[in-house]
Amino acid sequence: MGPERVYKKEGFKKARKEKNYQFMEQSWKEQRRCAEACENLLEQ
């Protein structure tokens, strides 16, 4: 991101290591896979 970042980069890196953030990222990955599978079905 540019100079108008709304968060501190180091704080973000630290937050990404926390279990609740990792849980959210895993959930986002699952949602993304589900959406991609639906898109693939629609394209057939």
N, C-alpha and C. Protein backbone atom coordinates (compact mmCIF):
# COMPACT_ATOMS: atom_id res chain seq x y z
N MET A 1 0.85 -1.18 0.00
CA MET A 1 0.00 0.00 0.00
C MET A 1 0.89 1.24 0.00
N GLY A 2 0.27 2.33 -0.22
CA GLY A 2 1.00 3.57 -0.33
C GLY A 2 1.22 4.25 1.01
N PRO A 3 1.60 5.50 0.96
CA PRO A 3 1.91 6.25 2.18
C PRO A 3 0.67 6.54 3.04
N GLU A 4 -0.51 6.30 2.52
CA GLU A 4 -1.74 6.58 3.28
C GLU A 4 -2.25 5.34 3.98
N ARG A 5 -1.37 4.47 4.36
CA ARG A 5 -1.73 3.23 5.05
C ARG A 5 -2.50 3.55 6.33
N VAL A 6 -3.56 2.79 6.59
CA VAL A 6 -4.38 3.05 7.77
C VAL A 6 -3.96 2.18 8.98
N TYR A 7 -2.92 1.40 8.80
CA TYR A 7 -2.41 0.58 9.89
C TYR A 7 -0.89 0.54 9.81
N LYS A 8 -0.27 0.19 10.90
CA LYS A 8 1.18 0.08 10.94
C LYS A 8 1.59 -1.31 10.44
N LYS A 9 2.55 -1.34 9.55
CA LYS A 9 2.98 -2.60 8.94
C LYS A 9 3.44 -3.61 9.99
N GLU A 10 4.21 -3.17 10.95
CA GLU A 10 4.72 -4.09 11.97
C GLU A 10 3.58 -4.65 12.82
N GLY A 11 2.60 -3.81 13.11
CA GLY A 11 1.44 -4.28 13.87
C GLY A 11 0.66 -5.33 13.10
N PHE A 12 0.57 -5.14 11.79
CA PHE A 12 -0.12 -6.09 10.94
C PHE A 12 0.62 -7.43 10.92
N LYS A 13 1.93 -7.37 10.78
CA LYS A 13 2.73 -8.59 10.78
C LYS A 13 2.56 -9.35 12.10
N LYS A 14 2.54 -8.62 13.20
CA LYS A 14 2.36 -9.24 14.51
C LYS A 14 0.97 -9.86 14.63
N ALA A 15 -0.04 -9.16 14.16
CA ALA A 15 -1.42 -9.65 14.25
C ALA A 15 -1.60 -10.93 13.44
N ARG A 16 -0.92 -11.03 12.30
CA ARG A 16 -1.05 -12.21 11.44
C ARG A 16 -0.56 -13.48 12.12
N LYS A 17 0.26 -13.35 13.14
CA LYS A 17 0.79 -14.51 13.84
C LYS A 17 -0.17 -15.01 14.92
N GLU A 18 -1.18 -14.23 15.25
CA GLU A 18 -2.11 -14.61 16.32
C GLU A 18 -3.09 -15.66 15.81
N LYS A 19 -3.51 -16.54 16.72
CA LYS A 19 -4.38 -17.66 16.34
C LYS A 19 -5.71 -17.20 15.77
N ASN A 20 -6.31 -16.15 16.32
CA ASN A 20 -7.60 -15.72 15.80
C ASN A 20 -7.48 -15.18 14.38
N TYR A 21 -6.37 -14.53 14.06
CA TYR A 21 -6.16 -14.04 12.70
C TYR A 21 -5.92 -15.21 11.75
N GLN A 22 -5.15 -16.19 12.18
CA GLN A 22 -4.91 -17.36 11.35
C GLN A 22 -6.21 -18.11 11.09
N PHE A 23 -7.08 -18.16 12.09
CA PHE A 23 -8.39 -18.78 11.92
C PHE A 23 -9.20 -18.04 10.86
N MET A 24 -9.18 -16.71 10.90
CA MET A 24 -9.90 -15.92 9.90
C MET A 24 -9.33 -16.15 8.51
N GLU A 25 -8.03 -16.18 8.38
CA GLU A 25 -7.42 -16.42 7.07
C GLU A 25 -7.80 -17.78 6.53
N GLN A 26 -7.84 -18.79 7.39
CA GLN A 26 -8.24 -20.13 6.96
C GLN A 26 -9.69 -20.12 6.48
N SER A 27 -10.54 -19.41 7.20
CA SER A 27 -11.94 -19.30 6.81
C SER A 27 -12.07 -18.61 5.45
N TRP A 28 -11.29 -17.55 5.23
CA TRP A 28 -11.33 -16.85 3.94
C TRP A 28 -10.89 -17.77 2.82
N LYS A 29 -9.87 -18.59 3.08
CA LYS A 29 -9.39 -19.53 2.06
C LYS A 29 -10.48 -20.55 1.71
N GLU A 30 -11.17 -21.06 2.74
CA GLU A 30 -12.24 -22.02 2.50
C GLU A 30 -13.37 -21.37 1.70
N GLN A 31 -13.72 -20.14 2.05
CA GLN A 31 -14.77 -19.44 1.31
C GLN A 31 -14.36 -19.21 -0.14
N ARG A 32 -13.10 -18.87 -0.35
CA ARG A 32 -12.59 -18.65 -1.70
C ARG A 32 -12.66 -19.93 -2.52
N ARG A 33 -12.25 -21.07 -1.91
CA ARG A 33 -12.30 -22.36 -2.61
C ARG A 33 -13.74 -22.72 -2.97
N CYS A 34 -14.66 -22.48 -2.07
CA CYS A 34 -16.07 -22.77 -2.32
C CYS A 34 -16.60 -21.92 -3.47
N ALA A 35 -16.28 -20.64 -3.46
CA ALA A 35 -16.72 -19.73 -4.52
C ALA A 35 -16.13 -20.14 -5.86
N GLU A 36 -14.85 -20.53 -5.86
CA GLU A 36 -14.20 -20.96 -7.10
C GLU A 36 -14.83 -22.25 -7.62
N ALA A 37 -15.19 -23.17 -6.72
CA ALA A 37 -15.84 -24.41 -7.14
C ALA A 37 -17.20 -24.11 -7.77
N CYS A 38 -17.93 -23.17 -7.19
CA CYS A 38 -19.24 -22.77 -7.74
C CYS A 38 -19.06 -22.14 -9.13
N GLU A 39 -18.05 -21.30 -9.27
CA GLU A 39 -17.79 -20.68 -10.57
C GLU A 39 -17.46 -21.73 -11.62
N ASN A 40 -16.66 -22.73 -11.23
CA ASN A 40 -16.30 -23.81 -12.16
C ASN A 40 -17.53 -24.59 -12.60
N LEU A 41 -18.45 -24.84 -11.67
CA LEU A 41 -19.68 -25.56 -12.01
C LEU A 41 -20.53 -24.76 -13.00
N LEU A 42 -20.57 -23.45 -12.79
CA LEU A 42 -21.37 -22.59 -13.67
C LEU A 42 -20.76 -22.49 -15.07
N GLU A 43 -19.45 -22.63 -15.15
CA GLU A 43 -18.77 -22.52 -16.44
C GLU A 43 -18.91 -23.78 -17.29
N GLN A 44 -19.32 -24.88 -16.69
CA GLN A 44 -19.43 -26.15 -17.43
C GLN A 44 -20.65 -26.15 -18.32
